Amino acid sequence: MKNTNLYKGSITTIILKLLNEHDKMYGYEITQKVRDITKNELQLTEGALYPALHKLKDQGLLDVEVLYVGNRVRKYYKLTEAGTKETVKKLSELESYIRNMRALVNPKYRDE
């Protein structure tokens, strides 16, 4: 990815969207899904992911389920009811942002 600053403000929305689609996921799974969807264009690092997950949990938007896989502990994250509502809000905000940026960058695509 050429400019990670463009994505930094969207990490929360990306996480919420993925969890909304996949019910529950663990951290590494989220990073791999982002990488796969963006064809390696966006690589979500653990240093960016886990603080965002902890913040979402502290805000009451995520629940954490701890499972033992073999002799390893794996934390699965899933949306709370408030998290599901926040996902809808964040996706709407992001769609509006994209629409406005598209209009600014290429006015012929402006939605009337």
Protein backbone atom coordinates (compact mmCIF):
# COMPACT_ATOMS: atom_id res chain seq x y z
CA MET A 1 0.00 0.00 0.00
CA LYS A 2 1.34 3.37 -0.96
CA ASN A 3 -0.15 5.59 1.77
CA THR A 4 -1.28 4.03 5.04
CA ASN A 5 -2.47 7.40 6.37
CA LEU A 6 -5.48 7.20 4.07
CA TYR A 7 -6.60 4.00 5.82
CA LYS A 8 -5.85 4.85 9.45
CA GLY A 9 -9.18 6.53 10.08
CA SER A 10 -11.03 3.53 8.66
CA ILE A 11 -9.60 0.72 10.79
CA THR A 12 -12.57 0.73 13.17
CA THR A 13 -15.04 0.58 10.28
CA ILE A 14 -13.06 -2.23 8.62
CA ILE A 15 -13.09 -4.29 11.82
CA LEU A 16 -16.79 -3.71 12.47
CA LYS A 17 -17.70 -4.58 8.88
CA LEU A 18 -15.71 -7.84 8.92
CA LEU A 19 -17.18 -8.91 12.25
CA ASN A 20 -20.66 -8.07 11.00
CA GLU A 21 -20.10 -10.37 8.01
CA HIS A 22 -18.34 -13.22 9.82
CA ASP A 23 -20.02 -13.32 13.25
CA LYS A 24 -16.78 -13.84 15.18
CA MET A 25 -13.11 -13.69 14.25
CA TYR A 26 -9.74 -13.76 15.99
CA GLY A 27 -7.09 -11.11 15.43
CA TYR A 28 -4.83 -12.91 12.98
CA GLU A 29 -7.88 -13.98 10.98
CA ILE A 30 -8.91 -10.32 10.66
CA THR A 31 -5.46 -9.31 9.38
CA GLN A 32 -5.48 -12.11 6.82
CA LYS A 33 -9.01 -11.31 5.63
CA VAL A 34 -8.05 -7.65 5.08
CA ARG A 35 -4.96 -8.74 3.17
CA ASP A 36 -6.97 -11.19 1.02
CA ILE A 37 -9.79 -8.77 0.23
CA THR A 38 -7.39 -5.99 -0.75
CA LYS A 39 -5.03 -8.33 -2.64
CA ASN A 40 -2.15 -7.37 -0.32
CA GLU A 41 -2.75 -3.64 -0.89
CA LEU A 42 -3.66 -3.09 2.77
CA GLN A 43 -1.79 -4.96 5.47
CA LEU A 44 -3.35 -4.39 8.86
CA THR A 45 -0.58 -4.80 11.43
CA GLU A 46 -1.03 -6.21 14.90
CA GLY A 47 0.20 -2.87 16.23
CA ALA A 48 -2.80 -1.16 14.65
CA LEU A 49 -5.33 -3.97 15.06
CA TYR A 50 -5.14 -4.86 18.75
CA PRO A 51 -5.39 -1.32 20.15
CA ALA A 52 -8.44 -0.82 17.93
CA LEU A 53 -10.00 -4.11 19.12
CA HIS A 54 -9.36 -3.19 22.77
CA LYS A 55 -10.87 0.26 22.27
CA LEU A 56 -13.99 -1.22 20.62
CA LYS A 57 -14.31 -3.69 23.51
CA ASP A 58 -13.94 -0.88 26.07
CA GLN A 59 -16.67 1.06 24.25
CA GLY A 60 -19.02 -1.92 24.60
CA LEU A 61 -19.08 -2.62 20.86
CA LEU A 62 -17.33 -6.00 21.03
CA ASP A 63 -17.49 -9.09 23.20
CA VAL A 64 -14.52 -11.41 23.58
CA GLU A 65 -14.79 -15.19 23.74
CA VAL A 66 -11.69 -17.09 24.84
CA LEU A 67 -11.27 -20.58 23.41
CA TYR A 68 -8.48 -23.07 23.76
CA VAL A 69 -7.21 -24.43 20.46
CA GLY A 70 -4.81 -27.21 21.30
CA ASN A 71 -2.62 -25.68 23.98
CA ARG A 72 -3.08 -22.14 22.67
CA VAL A 73 -5.53 -19.49 23.81
CA ARG A 74 -7.43 -17.79 21.02
CA LYS A 75 -9.58 -14.70 21.58
CA TYR A 76 -12.57 -14.40 19.29
CA TYR A 77 -14.18 -11.00 18.87
CA LYS A 78 -17.82 -10.52 18.03
CA LEU A 79 -20.18 -7.57 17.84
CA THR A 80 -22.50 -6.66 20.65
CA GLU A 81 -25.93 -5.25 19.83
CA ALA A 82 -24.46 -1.76 20.19
CA GLY A 83 -21.61 -2.84 17.90
CA THR A 84 -24.07 -3.89 15.21
CA LYS A 85 -25.78 -0.49 15.39
CA GLU A 86 -22.41 1.29 15.29
CA THR A 87 -21.45 -0.73 12.20
CA VAL A 88 -24.47 0.59 10.32
CA LYS A 89 -23.60 4.15 11.37
CA LYS A 90 -19.90 3.84 10.47
CA LEU A 91 -20.63 2.30 7.06
CA SER A 92 -23.07 5.10 6.27
CA GLU A 93 -20.46 7.70 7.25
CA LEU A 94 -17.83 5.96 5.12
CA GLU A 95 -20.12 5.76 2.09
CA SER A 96 -20.83 9.48 2.40
CA TYR A 97 -17.11 10.20 2.66
CA ILE A 98 -16.34 8.10 -0.43
CA ARG A 99 -19.14 9.79 -2.37
CA ASN A 100 -17.82 13.24 -1.44
CA MET A 101 -14.22 12.35 -2.25
CA ARG A 102 -15.31 10.94 -5.61
CA ALA A 103 -17.15 14.19 -6.37
CA LEU A 104 -14.09 16.23 -5.42
CA VAL A 105 -11.58 14.10 -7.31
CA ASN A 106 -13.71 13.44 -10.36
CA PRO A 107 -16.70 15.82 -10.58
CA LYS A 108 -18.26 13.99 -13.52
CA TYR A 109 -19.19 11.16 -11.12
CA ARG A 110 -20.93 13.49 -8.70
CA ASP A 111 -24.26 12.12 -7.45
CA GLU A 112 -27.01 14.63 -8.06
